[in-house]
All heavy atoms as atom14 arrays in JSON, in Angstrom:
{
  "sequence": "LGGMWEFPNVALDVASTRLRRSMDGLSPALEHGYGIKLRVRD",
  "atom14_mask": [
    [1, 1, 1, 1, 1, 1, 1, 1, 0, 0, 0, 0, 0, 0],
    [1, 1, 1, 1, 0, 0, 0, 0, 0, 0, 0, 0, 0, 0],
    [1, 1, 1, 1, 0, 0, 0, 0, 0, 0, 0, 0, 0, 0],
    [1, 1, 1, 1, 1, 1, 1, 1, 0, 0, 0, 0, 0, 0],
    [1, 1, 1, 1, 1, 1, 1, 1, 1, 1, 1, 1, 1, 1],
    [1, 1, 1, 1, 1, 1, 1, 1, 1, 0, 0, 0, 0, 0],
    [1, 1, 1, 1, 1, 1, 1, 1, 1, 1, 1, 0, 0, 0],
    [1, 1, 1, 1, 1, 1, 1, 0, 0, 0, 0, 0, 0, 0],
    [1, 1, 1, 1, 1, 1, 1, 1, 0, 0, 0, 0, 0, 0],
    [1, 1, 1, 1, 1, 1, 1, 0, 0, 0, 0, 0, 0, 0],
    [1, 1, 1, 1, 1, 0, 0, 0, 0, 0, 0, 0, 0, 0],
    [1, 1, 1, 1, 1, 1, 1, 1, 0, 0, 0, 0, 0, 0],
    [1, 1, 1, 1, 1, 1, 1, 1, 0, 0, 0, 0, 0, 0],
    [1, 1, 1, 1, 1, 1, 1, 0, 0, 0, 0, 0, 0, 0],
    [1, 1, 1, 1, 1, 0, 0, 0, 0, 0, 0, 0, 0, 0],
    [1, 1, 1, 1, 1, 1, 0, 0, 0, 0, 0, 0, 0, 0],
    [1, 1, 1, 1, 1, 1, 1, 0, 0, 0, 0, 0, 0, 0],
    [1, 1, 1, 1, 1, 1, 1, 1, 1, 1, 1, 0, 0, 0],
    [1, 1, 1, 1, 1, 1, 1, 1, 0, 0, 0, 0, 0, 0],
    [1, 1, 1, 1, 1, 1, 1, 1, 1, 1, 1, 0, 0, 0],
    [1, 1, 1, 1, 1, 1, 1, 1, 1, 1, 1, 0, 0, 0],
    [1, 1, 1, 1, 1, 1, 0, 0, 0, 0, 0, 0, 0, 0],
    [1, 1, 1, 1, 1, 1, 1, 1, 0, 0, 0, 0, 0, 0],
    [1, 1, 1, 1, 1, 1, 1, 1, 0, 0, 0, 0, 0, 0],
    [1, 1, 1, 1, 0, 0, 0, 0, 0, 0, 0, 0, 0, 0],
    [1, 1, 1, 1, 1, 1, 1, 1, 0, 0, 0, 0, 0, 0],
    [1, 1, 1, 1, 1, 1, 0, 0, 0, 0, 0, 0, 0, 0],
    [1, 1, 1, 1, 1, 1, 1, 0, 0, 0, 0, 0, 0, 0],
    [1, 1, 1, 1, 1, 0, 0, 0, 0, 0, 0, 0, 0, 0],
    [1, 1, 1, 1, 1, 1, 1, 1, 0, 0, 0, 0, 0, 0],
    [1, 1, 1, 1, 1, 1, 1, 1, 1, 0, 0, 0, 0, 0],
    [1, 1, 1, 1, 1, 1, 1, 1, 1, 1, 0, 0, 0, 0],
    [1, 1, 1, 1, 0, 0, 0, 0, 0, 0, 0, 0, 0, 0],
    [1, 1, 1, 1, 1, 1, 1, 1, 1, 1, 1, 1, 0, 0],
    [1, 1, 1, 1, 0, 0, 0, 0, 0, 0, 0, 0, 0, 0],
    [1, 1, 1, 1, 1, 1, 1, 1, 0, 0, 0, 0, 0, 0],
    [1, 1, 1, 1, 1, 1, 1, 1, 1, 0, 0, 0, 0, 0],
    [1, 1, 1, 1, 1, 1, 1, 1, 0, 0, 0, 0, 0, 0],
    [1, 1, 1, 1, 1, 1, 1, 1, 1, 1, 1, 0, 0, 0],
    [1, 1, 1, 1, 1, 1, 1, 0, 0, 0, 0, 0, 0, 0],
    [1, 1, 1, 1, 1, 1, 1, 1, 1, 1, 1, 0, 0, 0],
    [1, 1, 1, 1, 1, 1, 1, 1, 0, 0, 0, 0, 0, 0]
  ],
  "atom14_positions": [
    [[-10.67, -3.25, 8.24], [-9.99, -3.7, 9.47], [-9.09, -2.62, 10.05], [-8.04, -2.89, 10.62], [-9.17, -4.97, 9.2], [-9.93, -6.16, 8.6], [-8.99, -7.31, 8.34], [-11.08, -6.58, 9.49], [0.0, 0.0, 0.0], [0.0, 0.0, 0.0], [0.0, 0.0, 0.0], [0.0, 0.0, 0.0], [0.0, 0.0, 0.0], [0.0, 0.0, 0.0]],
    [[-9.5, -1.38, 9.9], [-8.71, -0.25, 10.36], [-8.39, -0.31, 11.84], [-9.24, -0.6, 12.68], [0.0, 0.0, 0.0], [0.0, 0.0, 0.0], [0.0, 0.0, 0.0], [0.0, 0.0, 0.0], [0.0, 0.0, 0.0], [0.0, 0.0, 0.0], [0.0, 0.0, 0.0], [0.0, 0.0, 0.0], [0.0, 0.0, 0.0], [0.0, 0.0, 0.0]],
    [[-7.12, -0.07, 12.18], [-6.67, -0.04, 13.56], [-6.41, -1.4, 14.18], [-5.98, -1.47, 15.33], [0.0, 0.0, 0.0], [0.0, 0.0, 0.0], [0.0, 0.0, 0.0], [0.0, 0.0, 0.0], [0.0, 0.0, 0.0], [0.0, 0.0, 0.0], [0.0, 0.0, 0.0], [0.0, 0.0, 0.0], [0.0, 0.0, 0.0], [0.0, 0.0, 0.0]],
    [[-6.68, -2.46, 13.44], [-6.43, -3.79, 13.98], [-4.98, -4.2, 13.77], [-4.22, -3.55, 13.05], [-7.37, -4.82, 13.34], [-8.82, -4.64, 13.74], [-9.84, -6.05, 13.21], [-11.4, -5.58, 13.93], [0.0, 0.0, 0.0], [0.0, 0.0, 0.0], [0.0, 0.0, 0.0], [0.0, 0.0, 0.0], [0.0, 0.0, 0.0], [0.0, 0.0, 0.0]],
    [[-4.6, -5.32, 14.43], [-3.23, -5.82, 14.34], [-3.16, -6.99, 13.38], [-4.14, -7.74, 13.22], [-2.74, -6.23, 15.72], [-2.58, -5.06, 16.64], [-3.55, -4.48, 17.39], [-1.39, -4.3, 16.85], [-3.05, -3.4, 18.08], [-1.71, -3.27, 17.77], [-0.08, -4.38, 16.38], [-0.79, -2.34, 18.22], [0.85, -3.46, 16.83], [0.5, -2.46, 17.73]],
    [[-2.02, -7.15, 12.76], [-1.84, -8.22, 11.78], [-0.37, -8.63, 11.74], [0.51, -7.93, 12.25], [-2.28, -7.77, 10.39], [-1.43, -6.62, 9.85], [-1.92, -6.09, 8.52], [-2.96, -6.57, 8.03], [-1.27, -5.17, 7.97], [0.0, 0.0, 0.0], [0.0, 0.0, 0.0], [0.0, 0.0, 0.0], [0.0, 0.0, 0.0], [0.0, 0.0, 0.0]],
    [[-0.11, -9.77, 11.14], [1.26, -10.17, 10.88], [1.75, -9.41, 9.65], [0.98, -9.22, 8.7], [1.34, -11.68, 10.66], [0.99, -12.47, 11.89], [-0.33, -12.86, 12.13], [1.96, -12.8, 12.82], [-0.66, -13.57, 13.28], [1.64, -13.51, 13.97], [0.32, -13.88, 14.2], [0.0, 0.0, 0.0], [0.0, 0.0, 0.0], [0.0, 0.0, 0.0]],
    [[2.99, -8.92, 9.65], [3.47, -8.18, 8.48], [3.21, -8.98, 7.21], [3.48, -10.18, 7.15], [4.97, -8.03, 8.77], [5.06, -8.08, 10.27], [4.02, -9.06, 10.7], [0.0, 0.0, 0.0], [0.0, 0.0, 0.0], [0.0, 0.0, 0.0], [0.0, 0.0, 0.0], [0.0, 0.0, 0.0], [0.0, 0.0, 0.0], [0.0, 0.0, 0.0]],
    [[2.67, -8.31, 6.21], [2.31, -9.03, 5.0], [2.47, -8.15, 3.78], [2.53, -6.92, 3.87], [0.88, -9.55, 5.1], [-0.13, -8.42, 5.13], [-0.57, -7.94, 4.11], [-0.48, -7.98, 6.35], [0.0, 0.0, 0.0], [0.0, 0.0, 0.0], [0.0, 0.0, 0.0], [0.0, 0.0, 0.0], [0.0, 0.0, 0.0], [0.0, 0.0, 0.0]],
    [[2.49, -8.81, 2.64], [2.6, -8.1, 1.37], [1.66, -8.74, 0.37], [1.37, -9.95, 0.43], [4.05, -8.14, 0.82], [4.99, -7.37, 1.71], [4.51, -9.57, 0.64], [0.0, 0.0, 0.0], [0.0, 0.0, 0.0], [0.0, 0.0, 0.0], [0.0, 0.0, 0.0], [0.0, 0.0, 0.0], [0.0, 0.0, 0.0], [0.0, 0.0, 0.0]],
    [[1.15, -7.93, -0.54], [0.28, -8.44, -1.59], [1.11, -9.09, -2.68], [2.22, -8.64, -3.0], [-0.56, -7.3, -2.17], [0.0, 0.0, 0.0], [0.0, 0.0, 0.0], [0.0, 0.0, 0.0], [0.0, 0.0, 0.0], [0.0, 0.0, 0.0], [0.0, 0.0, 0.0], [0.0, 0.0, 0.0], [0.0, 0.0, 0.0], [0.0, 0.0, 0.0]],
    [[0.59, -10.15, -3.24], [1.24, -10.85, -4.34], [0.26, -10.97, -5.49], [-0.94, -10.81, -5.31], [1.68, -12.26, -3.9], [2.61, -12.36, -2.69], [2.74, -13.81, -2.27], [3.98, -11.78, -3.02], [0.0, 0.0, 0.0], [0.0, 0.0, 0.0], [0.0, 0.0, 0.0], [0.0, 0.0, 0.0], [0.0, 0.0, 0.0], [0.0, 0.0, 0.0]],
    [[0.77, -11.26, -6.67], [-0.14, -11.53, -7.77], [-0.68, -12.95, -7.6], [-0.12, -13.77, -6.88], [0.56, -11.38, -9.12], [1.75, -12.3, -9.27], [1.53, -13.51, -9.47], [2.88, -11.81, -9.19], [0.0, 0.0, 0.0], [0.0, 0.0, 0.0], [0.0, 0.0, 0.0], [0.0, 0.0, 0.0], [0.0, 0.0, 0.0], [0.0, 0.0, 0.0]],
    [[-1.81, -13.22, -8.25], [-2.47, -14.51, -8.07], [-1.55, -15.66, -8.42], [-1.59, -16.72, -7.79], [-3.75, -14.57, -8.94], [-4.38, -15.95, -8.87], [-4.75, -13.53, -8.46], [0.0, 0.0, 0.0], [0.0, 0.0, 0.0], [0.0, 0.0, 0.0], [0.0, 0.0, 0.0], [0.0, 0.0, 0.0], [0.0, 0.0, 0.0], [0.0, 0.0, 0.0]],
    [[-0.68, -15.49, -9.4], [0.23, -16.57, -9.79], [1.2, -16.93, -8.68], [1.77, -18.02, -8.67], [1.01, -16.16, -11.05], [0.0, 0.0, 0.0], [0.0, 0.0, 0.0], [0.0, 0.0, 0.0], [0.0, 0.0, 0.0], [0.0, 0.0, 0.0], [0.0, 0.0, 0.0], [0.0, 0.0, 0.0], [0.0, 0.0, 0.0], [0.0, 0.0, 0.0]],
    [[1.37, -16.03, -7.71], [2.33, -16.27, -6.65], [1.82, -17.21, -5.57], [2.44, -17.35, -4.53], [2.76, -14.94, -6.01], [3.5, -14.17, -6.93], [0.0, 0.0, 0.0], [0.0, 0.0, 0.0], [0.0, 0.0, 0.0], [0.0, 0.0, 0.0], [0.0, 0.0, 0.0], [0.0, 0.0, 0.0], [0.0, 0.0, 0.0], [0.0, 0.0, 0.0]],
    [[0.67, -17.84, -5.79], [0.23, -18.84, -4.83], [1.18, -20.03, -4.83], [1.18, -20.83, -3.92], [-1.19, -19.32, -5.16], [-1.25, -19.73, -6.53], [-2.2, -18.22, -4.92], [0.0, 0.0, 0.0], [0.0, 0.0, 0.0], [0.0, 0.0, 0.0], [0.0, 0.0, 0.0], [0.0, 0.0, 0.0], [0.0, 0.0, 0.0], [0.0, 0.0, 0.0]],
    [[2.0, -20.16, -5.85], [3.01, -21.21, -5.84], [4.03, -20.91, -4.74], [4.47, -19.78, -4.55], [3.71, -21.31, -7.19], [2.79, -21.83, -8.3], [3.56, -22.05, -9.57], [2.71, -22.62, -10.61], [3.13, -22.95, -11.84], [4.41, -22.75, -12.15], [2.29, -23.45, -12.72], [0.0, 0.0, 0.0], [0.0, 0.0, 0.0], [0.0, 0.0, 0.0]],
    [[4.42, -21.93, -4.03], [5.24, -21.77, -2.83], [6.52, -20.99, -3.09], [6.82, -20.02, -2.41], [5.56, -23.15, -2.25], [6.46, -23.16, -1.02], [5.8, -22.41, 0.11], [6.74, -24.61, -0.6], [0.0, 0.0, 0.0], [0.0, 0.0, 0.0], [0.0, 0.0, 0.0], [0.0, 0.0, 0.0], [0.0, 0.0, 0.0], [0.0, 0.0, 0.0]],
    [[7.32, -21.4, -4.06], [8.62, -20.78, -4.29], [8.48, -19.32, -4.66], [9.21, -18.47, -4.15], [9.36, -21.55, -5.37], [10.71, -20.93, -5.8], [11.6, -20.57, -4.63], [11.86, -21.7, -3.76], [12.5, -21.61, -2.61], [12.91, -20.44, -2.16], [12.71, -22.69, -1.88], [0.0, 0.0, 0.0], [0.0, 0.0, 0.0], [0.0, 0.0, 0.0]],
    [[7.51, -18.96, -5.49], [7.35, -17.57, -5.89], [6.91, -16.72, -4.71], [7.28, -15.56, -4.58], [6.35, -17.47, -7.04], [6.82, -18.16, -8.31], [5.89, -17.88, -9.47], [5.92, -16.46, -9.83], [5.24, -15.97, -10.87], [4.51, -16.76, -11.62], [5.3, -14.69, -11.15], [0.0, 0.0, 0.0], [0.0, 0.0, 0.0], [0.0, 0.0, 0.0]],
    [[6.09, -17.29, -3.81], [5.67, -16.56, -2.63], [6.86, -16.27, -1.73], [7.03, -15.16, -1.23], [4.62, -17.37, -1.86], [3.47, -17.57, -2.63], [0.0, 0.0, 0.0], [0.0, 0.0, 0.0], [0.0, 0.0, 0.0], [0.0, 0.0, 0.0], [0.0, 0.0, 0.0], [0.0, 0.0, 0.0], [0.0, 0.0, 0.0], [0.0, 0.0, 0.0]],
    [[7.72, -17.26, -1.51], [8.88, -17.1, -0.65], [9.87, -16.1, -1.23], [10.42, -15.26, -0.52], [9.55, -18.45, -0.43], [8.69, -19.45, 0.35], [9.44, -21.08, 0.5], [10.84, -20.72, 1.55], [0.0, 0.0, 0.0], [0.0, 0.0, 0.0], [0.0, 0.0, 0.0], [0.0, 0.0, 0.0], [0.0, 0.0, 0.0], [0.0, 0.0, 0.0]],
    [[10.07, -16.17, -2.53], [11.03, -15.27, -3.16], [10.57, -13.82, -3.09], [11.39, -12.9, -2.97], [11.24, -15.67, -4.63], [11.97, -17.0, -4.76], [12.58, -17.44, -3.75], [11.93, -17.6, -5.84], [0.0, 0.0, 0.0], [0.0, 0.0, 0.0], [0.0, 0.0, 0.0], [0.0, 0.0, 0.0], [0.0, 0.0, 0.0], [0.0, 0.0, 0.0]],
    [[9.27, -13.6, -3.16], [8.77, -12.23, -3.17], [8.54, -11.64, -1.8], [8.42, -10.42, -1.66], [0.0, 0.0, 0.0], [0.0, 0.0, 0.0], [0.0, 0.0, 0.0], [0.0, 0.0, 0.0], [0.0, 0.0, 0.0], [0.0, 0.0, 0.0], [0.0, 0.0, 0.0], [0.0, 0.0, 0.0], [0.0, 0.0, 0.0], [0.0, 0.0, 0.0]],
    [[8.51, -12.45, -0.76], [8.15, -11.98, 0.56], [9.22, -11.09, 1.19], [8.94, -9.98, 1.63], [7.86, -13.17, 1.47], [7.49, -12.85, 2.92], [6.28, -11.95, 2.97], [7.24, -14.14, 3.7], [0.0, 0.0, 0.0], [0.0, 0.0, 0.0], [0.0, 0.0, 0.0], [0.0, 0.0, 0.0], [0.0, 0.0, 0.0], [0.0, 0.0, 0.0]],
    [[10.47, -11.56, 1.22], [11.51, -10.84, 1.96], [11.76, -9.43, 1.42], [11.73, -8.46, 2.19], [12.8, -11.66, 1.95], [13.79, -11.01, 2.71], [0.0, 0.0, 0.0], [0.0, 0.0, 0.0], [0.0, 0.0, 0.0], [0.0, 0.0, 0.0], [0.0, 0.0, 0.0], [0.0, 0.0, 0.0], [0.0, 0.0, 0.0], [0.0, 0.0, 0.0]],
    [[12.02, -9.24, 0.12], [12.28, -7.88, -0.36], [11.06, -6.97, -0.22], [11.22, -5.77, 0.04], [12.66, -8.09, -1.83], [12.12, -9.43, -2.2], [12.2, -10.24, -0.95], [0.0, 0.0, 0.0], [0.0, 0.0, 0.0], [0.0, 0.0, 0.0], [0.0, 0.0, 0.0], [0.0, 0.0, 0.0], [0.0, 0.0, 0.0], [0.0, 0.0, 0.0]],
    [[9.87, -7.5, -0.38], [8.68, -6.67, -0.25], [8.48, -6.2, 1.18], [8.09, -5.06, 1.43], [7.45, -7.44, -0.74], [0.0, 0.0, 0.0], [0.0, 0.0, 0.0], [0.0, 0.0, 0.0], [0.0, 0.0, 0.0], [0.0, 0.0, 0.0], [0.0, 0.0, 0.0], [0.0, 0.0, 0.0], [0.0, 0.0, 0.0], [0.0, 0.0, 0.0]],
    [[8.75, -7.07, 2.16], [8.62, -6.68, 3.56], [9.68, -5.65, 3.94], [9.42, -4.75, 4.73], [8.75, -7.91, 4.45], [7.53, -8.85, 4.47], [7.87, -10.12, 5.24], [6.33, -8.16, 5.1], [0.0, 0.0, 0.0], [0.0, 0.0, 0.0], [0.0, 0.0, 0.0], [0.0, 0.0, 0.0], [0.0, 0.0, 0.0], [0.0, 0.0, 0.0]],
    [[10.87, -5.79, 3.39], [11.92, -4.81, 3.68], [11.51, -3.43, 3.16], [11.72, -2.41, 3.82], [13.24, -5.25, 3.04], [14.4, -4.34, 3.41], [15.73, -4.89, 2.93], [15.73, -5.9, 2.18], [16.77, -4.31, 3.3], [0.0, 0.0, 0.0], [0.0, 0.0, 0.0], [0.0, 0.0, 0.0], [0.0, 0.0, 0.0], [0.0, 0.0, 0.0]],
    [[10.87, -3.43, 2.0], [10.43, -2.15, 1.43], [9.25, -1.58, 2.2], [9.19, -0.37, 2.46], [10.04, -2.36, -0.04], [9.46, -1.14, -0.68], [10.23, -0.07, -1.07], [8.16, -0.81, -0.98], [9.44, 0.87, -1.6], [8.19, 0.44, -1.55], [0.0, 0.0, 0.0], [0.0, 0.0, 0.0], [0.0, 0.0, 0.0], [0.0, 0.0, 0.0]],
    [[8.3, -2.42, 2.6], [7.08, -1.92, 3.22], [7.18, -1.68, 4.72], [6.49, -0.8, 5.26], [0.0, 0.0, 0.0], [0.0, 0.0, 0.0], [0.0, 0.0, 0.0], [0.0, 0.0, 0.0], [0.0, 0.0, 0.0], [0.0, 0.0, 0.0], [0.0, 0.0, 0.0], [0.0, 0.0, 0.0], [0.0, 0.0, 0.0], [0.0, 0.0, 0.0]],
    [[8.04, -2.45, 5.42], [8.09, -2.36, 6.87], [9.49, -2.01, 7.41], [9.65, -1.79, 8.61], [7.67, -3.68, 7.51], [6.22, -4.04, 7.28], [5.84, -4.76, 6.15], [5.23, -3.69, 8.2], [4.52, -5.12, 5.95], [3.9, -4.04, 8.0], [3.55, -4.76, 6.87], [2.25, -5.11, 6.66], [0.0, 0.0, 0.0], [0.0, 0.0, 0.0]],
    [[10.48, -2.02, 6.56], [11.83, -1.75, 7.03], [12.42, -2.91, 7.79], [13.28, -2.72, 8.67], [0.0, 0.0, 0.0], [0.0, 0.0, 0.0], [0.0, 0.0, 0.0], [0.0, 0.0, 0.0], [0.0, 0.0, 0.0], [0.0, 0.0, 0.0], [0.0, 0.0, 0.0], [0.0, 0.0, 0.0], [0.0, 0.0, 0.0], [0.0, 0.0, 0.0]],
    [[11.96, -4.14, 7.5], [12.5, -5.32, 8.18], [13.08, -6.27, 7.14], [12.49, -6.5, 6.09], [11.42, -6.05, 9.01], [10.2, -6.39, 8.15], [11.0, -5.19, 10.2], [9.12, -7.15, 8.9], [0.0, 0.0, 0.0], [0.0, 0.0, 0.0], [0.0, 0.0, 0.0], [0.0, 0.0, 0.0], [0.0, 0.0, 0.0], [0.0, 0.0, 0.0]],
    [[14.24, -6.79, 7.44], [14.89, -7.75, 6.54], [14.8, -9.14, 7.19], [15.21, -9.31, 8.34], [16.34, -7.39, 6.28], [17.02, -8.27, 5.24], [18.41, -7.76, 4.92], [19.09, -8.63, 3.87], [18.34, -8.68, 2.61], [0.0, 0.0, 0.0], [0.0, 0.0, 0.0], [0.0, 0.0, 0.0], [0.0, 0.0, 0.0], [0.0, 0.0, 0.0]],
    [[14.24, -10.08, 6.45], [13.97, -11.4, 7.0], [14.62, -12.51, 6.2], [14.94, -12.34, 5.02], [12.45, -11.65, 7.04], [11.58, -10.63, 7.77], [10.12, -10.97, 7.58], [11.93, -10.6, 9.25], [0.0, 0.0, 0.0], [0.0, 0.0, 0.0], [0.0, 0.0, 0.0], [0.0, 0.0, 0.0], [0.0, 0.0, 0.0], [0.0, 0.0, 0.0]],
    [[14.76, -13.64, 6.84], [15.12, -14.88, 6.16], [13.89, -15.79, 6.22], [13.43, -16.16, 7.3], [16.31, -15.56, 6.83], [16.7, -16.88, 6.15], [17.83, -17.57, 6.9], [19.04, -16.75, 6.95], [19.47, -16.12, 8.03], [18.78, -16.23, 9.18], [20.57, -15.4, 8.01], [0.0, 0.0, 0.0], [0.0, 0.0, 0.0], [0.0, 0.0, 0.0]],
    [[13.34, -16.1, 5.07], [12.14, -16.94, 5.02], [12.53, -18.39, 5.18], [13.42, -18.9, 4.5], [11.39, -16.72, 3.69], [10.11, -17.57, 3.67], [11.05, -15.26, 3.5], [0.0, 0.0, 0.0], [0.0, 0.0, 0.0], [0.0, 0.0, 0.0], [0.0, 0.0, 0.0], [0.0, 0.0, 0.0], [0.0, 0.0, 0.0], [0.0, 0.0, 0.0]],
    [[11.87, -19.1, 6.1], [12.21, -20.5, 6.37], [11.14, -21.46, 5.82], [11.3, -22.0, 4.74], [12.4, -20.72, 7.88], [13.64, -20.01, 8.43], [13.98, -20.5, 9.83], [13.02, -20.03, 10.83], [12.12, -20.79, 11.44], [12.02, -22.07, 11.16], [11.29, -20.29, 12.35], [0.0, 0.0, 0.0], [0.0, 0.0, 0.0], [0.0, 0.0, 0.0]],
    [[10.08, -21.65, 6.55], [9.09, -22.67, 6.18], [7.7, -22.07, 6.06], [7.39, -21.05, 6.71], [9.05, -23.8, 7.23], [10.43, -24.39, 7.48], [11.07, -24.78, 6.5], [10.85, -24.44, 8.66], [0.0, 0.0, 0.0], [0.0, 0.0, 0.0], [0.0, 0.0, 0.0], [0.0, 0.0, 0.0], [0.0, 0.0, 0.0], [0.0, 0.0, 0.0]]
  ]
}
C-alpha cells in the first residue's frame, strides 16, 4: 500500500486484541512513531 493514506496506527502483539491492552499501548506508541500525543477515548 505504498504512498497511500491511513489513520495513524501501531502494531500490537496478538494478545493485545483485548480492549484495555490495545488502549494502553496505543498512545505511547503513536507518540514514538508519529510525534503525536493523544488521549484515547472510545
